[in-house]
Amino acid sequence: MKKFLSAFLAVTMLCIVAHAQEKKSKDCGCSFSSINQVGLLEGSTGTAFQIQTINGMRFNQWFAGVGIGYDRYRIRSIPLFLDLRWSLFNRRNTPFIYADVGYNFDWPEDRDKAEWWNSDFSGGAYYDAGIGYRIGLGKKQGIVFSGGFSFKKIKEKRTTMIWCDFPPFCGGGGQEQSTDVYDFKLRRISIKAGIQL
């Protein structure tokens, strides 16, 4: 937890410093931009909270950046992803489409584990794609709303100790290990709101 908070704080401070020192180049017409958003994830296992910060470069109607988030759906995780979005119009108020692709790092809580087996989690693929709308508040700032389809994969390896009282079935009695592997492919609807700087 401390490592995650330290990394999140470092990325946020880097973005603030980069934004404060930004100088728009007349040659390329590109500029640094940061998108910070919160939202809800809705799927077959319920509703969960999410937070994301995406930082990258804006060029005319295009934006490309790197994002990190906090995903509370089913099993807590940290998605790290590339974000690409395209605005339909080159003006302050505009609809846009976006696509994120990356890796989902597992960060399970105690409530994600059971008392009667040992769980070993590992992350997997992450993607999110959808549409949104940006309402401009100034030259570069704006409020963004979006909705889309999100996917994350988590693998769980469960190891259970089994007591064997019948030697023919357990090779002499005693204790044996049973291992099961579960692949969670979690599909959700993602609704987000945030601010673009």
Protein backbone atom coordinates (compact mmCIF):
# COMPACT_ATOMS: atom_id res chain seq x y z
CA MET A 1 0.00 0.00 0.00
CA LYS A 2 2.82 2.41 0.90
CA LYS A 3 4.61 1.66 -2.38
CA PHE A 4 1.45 2.33 -4.39
CA LEU A 5 0.76 5.61 -2.59
CA SER A 6 4.38 6.71 -3.07
CA ALA A 7 4.26 5.89 -6.80
CA PHE A 8 0.88 7.61 -7.23
CA LEU A 9 2.13 10.72 -5.42
CA ALA A 10 5.33 10.79 -7.52
CA VAL A 11 3.37 10.54 -10.80
CA THR A 12 0.95 13.26 -9.67
CA MET A 13 3.80 15.61 -8.66
CA LEU A 14 5.58 14.97 -11.97
CA CYS A 15 2.40 15.86 -13.85
CA ILE A 16 1.93 19.08 -11.87
CA VAL A 17 5.54 20.13 -12.49
CA ALA A 18 5.31 19.25 -16.22
CA HIS A 19 2.04 21.16 -16.52
CA ALA A 20 3.48 24.20 -14.74
CA GLN A 21 6.55 24.25 -16.98
CA GLU A 22 4.72 23.54 -20.25
CA LYS A 23 5.56 25.68 -23.25
CA LYS A 24 3.49 25.14 -26.34
CA SER A 25 5.62 24.69 -29.44
CA LYS A 26 4.59 26.69 -32.48
CA ASP A 27 6.16 24.06 -34.72
CA CYS A 28 4.16 20.98 -33.64
CA GLY A 29 1.05 22.52 -32.06
CA CYS A 30 1.21 19.93 -29.26
CA SER A 31 0.86 20.43 -25.51
CA PHE A 32 0.96 18.44 -22.28
CA SER A 33 -2.42 17.39 -20.91
CA SER A 34 -3.60 15.57 -17.78
CA ILE A 35 -6.96 13.82 -17.32
CA ASN A 36 -8.03 12.93 -13.76
CA GLN A 37 -11.31 11.07 -13.34
CA VAL A 38 -13.45 9.01 -10.98
CA GLY A 39 -16.19 6.61 -11.88
CA LEU A 40 -18.29 3.52 -11.33
CA LEU A 41 -17.93 0.01 -12.71
CA GLU A 42 -21.07 -2.10 -13.09
CA GLY A 43 -21.10 -5.81 -13.91
CA SER A 44 -22.47 -9.19 -12.92
CA THR A 45 -20.70 -9.13 -9.53
CA GLY A 46 -21.99 -5.69 -8.53
CA THR A 47 -20.91 -2.05 -8.56
CA ALA A 48 -17.44 -0.74 -7.70
CA PHE A 49 -15.45 2.49 -7.55
CA GLN A 50 -12.55 3.50 -9.82
CA ILE A 51 -10.02 6.35 -10.04
CA GLN A 52 -7.71 7.15 -12.97
CA THR A 53 -5.03 9.67 -13.87
CA ILE A 54 -3.86 9.88 -17.48
CA ASN A 55 -0.99 12.10 -18.61
CA GLY A 56 0.24 12.67 -22.13
CA MET A 57 0.33 14.93 -25.17
CA ARG A 58 -2.48 16.60 -27.06
CA PHE A 59 -2.10 17.38 -30.76
CA ASN A 60 -5.06 19.05 -32.50
CA GLN A 61 -7.92 16.53 -32.12
CA TRP A 62 -5.70 13.68 -30.82
CA PHE A 63 -4.54 12.80 -27.32
CA ALA A 64 -2.11 10.00 -26.38
CA GLY A 65 -0.96 9.27 -22.85
CA VAL A 66 -0.11 6.80 -20.11
CA GLY A 67 -2.56 6.13 -17.30
CA ILE A 68 -2.66 4.44 -13.92
CA GLY A 69 -5.74 3.70 -11.87
CA TYR A 70 -7.37 2.12 -8.86
CA ASP A 71 -9.97 -0.53 -9.76
CA ARG A 72 -12.15 -1.85 -6.91
CA TYR A 73 -14.27 -4.26 -8.99
CA ARG A 74 -14.46 -7.85 -7.61
CA ILE A 75 -10.72 -8.05 -6.73
CA ARG A 76 -8.84 -4.81 -6.08
CA SER A 77 -6.24 -4.02 -8.75
CA ILE A 78 -4.08 -1.31 -10.33
CA PRO A 79 -4.42 -0.97 -14.12
CA LEU A 80 -1.49 0.56 -16.01
CA PHE A 81 -2.43 1.44 -19.59
CA LEU A 82 -1.93 3.46 -22.76
CA ASP A 83 -4.76 5.86 -23.59
CA LEU A 84 -5.64 7.13 -27.07
CA ARG A 85 -8.55 9.47 -27.74
CA TRP A 86 -9.84 11.42 -30.70
CA SER A 87 -12.14 14.45 -30.52
CA LEU A 88 -14.69 14.73 -33.31
CA PHE A 89 -14.25 18.53 -33.49
CA ASN A 90 -11.28 20.79 -32.83
CA ARG A 91 -13.12 23.07 -30.40
CA ARG A 92 -13.82 23.45 -26.67
CA ASN A 93 -17.06 21.43 -26.51
CA THR A 94 -16.80 18.18 -28.42
CA PRO A 95 -17.68 14.48 -28.31
CA PHE A 96 -14.74 12.03 -28.35
CA ILE A 97 -13.93 8.34 -28.56
CA TYR A 98 -11.27 6.65 -26.46
CA ALA A 99 -9.46 3.32 -26.14
CA ASP A 100 -7.22 2.08 -23.31
CA VAL A 101 -5.08 -1.06 -23.37
CA GLY A 102 -2.63 -2.31 -20.75
CA TYR A 103 -1.94 -4.63 -17.85
CA ASN A 104 -3.91 -5.09 -14.65
CA PHE A 105 -1.75 -5.61 -11.51
CA ASP A 106 -3.46 -7.53 -8.71
CA TRP A 107 -3.67 -5.92 -5.26
CA PRO A 108 -6.03 -8.20 -3.29
CA GLU A 109 -7.49 -7.28 0.07
CA ASP A 110 -8.08 -9.62 2.99
CA ARG A 111 -11.75 -9.83 2.03
CA ASP A 112 -10.72 -11.26 -1.38
CA LYS A 113 -9.17 -14.27 0.37
CA ALA A 114 -10.85 -17.11 2.26
CA GLU A 115 -9.82 -18.67 5.58
CA TRP A 116 -9.91 -22.28 4.38
CA TRP A 117 -7.46 -21.98 1.46
CA ASN A 118 -4.40 -19.99 0.43
CA SER A 119 -4.88 -17.67 -2.54
CA ASP A 120 -2.12 -16.53 -4.87
CA PHE A 121 -3.33 -13.84 -7.31
CA SER A 122 -1.76 -12.63 -10.54
CA GLY A 123 -2.82 -9.89 -12.93
CA GLY A 124 -3.65 -9.92 -16.61
CA ALA A 125 -4.95 -7.97 -19.58
CA TYR A 126 -6.87 -4.72 -19.20
CA TYR A 127 -8.80 -2.69 -21.74
CA ASP A 128 -11.49 -0.02 -21.82
CA ALA A 129 -13.15 1.63 -24.83
CA GLY A 130 -16.06 4.00 -25.25
CA ILE A 131 -17.36 7.46 -26.04
CA GLY A 132 -17.54 10.70 -24.12
CA TYR A 133 -18.10 14.43 -24.15
CA ARG A 134 -15.76 17.28 -23.21
CA ILE A 135 -17.08 20.64 -21.97
CA GLY A 136 -14.39 23.32 -22.23
CA LEU A 137 -13.73 25.59 -19.26
CA GLY A 138 -10.89 27.56 -20.78
CA LYS A 139 -8.28 27.27 -23.50
CA LYS A 140 -7.12 23.84 -22.41
CA GLN A 141 -9.14 22.90 -19.33
CA GLY A 142 -12.40 21.01 -19.49
CA ILE A 143 -14.78 18.61 -17.80
CA VAL A 144 -14.97 15.15 -19.36
CA PHE A 145 -17.76 12.57 -19.12
CA SER A 146 -17.47 9.10 -20.65
CA GLY A 147 -19.11 5.71 -20.78
CA GLY A 148 -17.81 2.48 -22.21
CA PHE A 149 -17.01 -1.21 -21.87
CA SER A 150 -14.16 -2.30 -19.61
CA PHE A 151 -12.41 -5.67 -19.16
CA LYS A 152 -9.89 -6.94 -16.64
CA LYS A 153 -8.39 -10.37 -16.09
CA ILE A 154 -7.23 -11.77 -12.74
CA LYS A 155 -5.94 -15.27 -12.07
CA GLU A 156 -6.30 -16.93 -8.66
CA LYS A 157 -4.44 -20.07 -7.61
CA ARG A 158 -6.16 -21.69 -4.60
CA THR A 159 -4.22 -24.21 -2.52
CA THR A 160 -6.17 -26.29 0.01
CA MET A 161 -4.82 -28.78 2.52
CA ILE A 162 -6.87 -32.01 2.62
CA TRP A 163 -6.78 -34.47 5.53
CA CYS A 164 -6.84 -38.05 4.29
CA ASP A 165 -8.05 -40.83 6.57
CA PHE A 166 -8.15 -43.53 3.91
CA PRO A 167 -4.64 -44.67 2.80
CA PRO A 168 -5.66 -46.09 -0.60
CA PHE A 169 -6.90 -42.66 -1.72
CA CYS A 170 -4.10 -40.52 -0.33
CA GLY A 171 -1.01 -42.67 -0.56
CA GLY A 172 -0.66 -43.53 3.11
CA GLY A 173 -2.90 -41.03 4.91
CA GLY A 174 -2.02 -37.67 6.41
CA GLN A 175 -2.27 -34.39 4.54
CA GLU A 176 -2.29 -33.61 0.83
CA GLN A 177 -2.48 -30.43 -1.18
CA SER A 178 -5.20 -29.66 -3.69
CA THR A 179 -4.62 -26.81 -6.16
CA ASP A 180 -7.28 -25.15 -8.31
CA VAL A 181 -6.72 -22.27 -10.75
CA TYR A 182 -9.47 -19.74 -11.55
CA ASP A 183 -9.34 -17.26 -14.43
CA PHE A 184 -11.61 -14.30 -13.72
CA LYS A 185 -12.52 -12.47 -16.94
CA LEU A 186 -14.42 -9.49 -15.62
CA ARG A 187 -16.53 -7.53 -18.10
CA ARG A 188 -18.02 -4.26 -16.85
CA ILE A 189 -19.75 -1.06 -17.92
CA SER A 190 -17.56 1.92 -17.04
CA ILE A 191 -18.96 5.42 -16.34
CA LYS A 192 -16.46 8.20 -15.55
CA ALA A 193 -16.36 11.94 -14.92
CA GLY A 194 -13.30 14.12 -14.46
CA ILE A 195 -11.28 17.15 -15.38
CA GLN A 196 -8.79 17.68 -18.17
CA LEU A 197 -5.94 20.14 -17.61
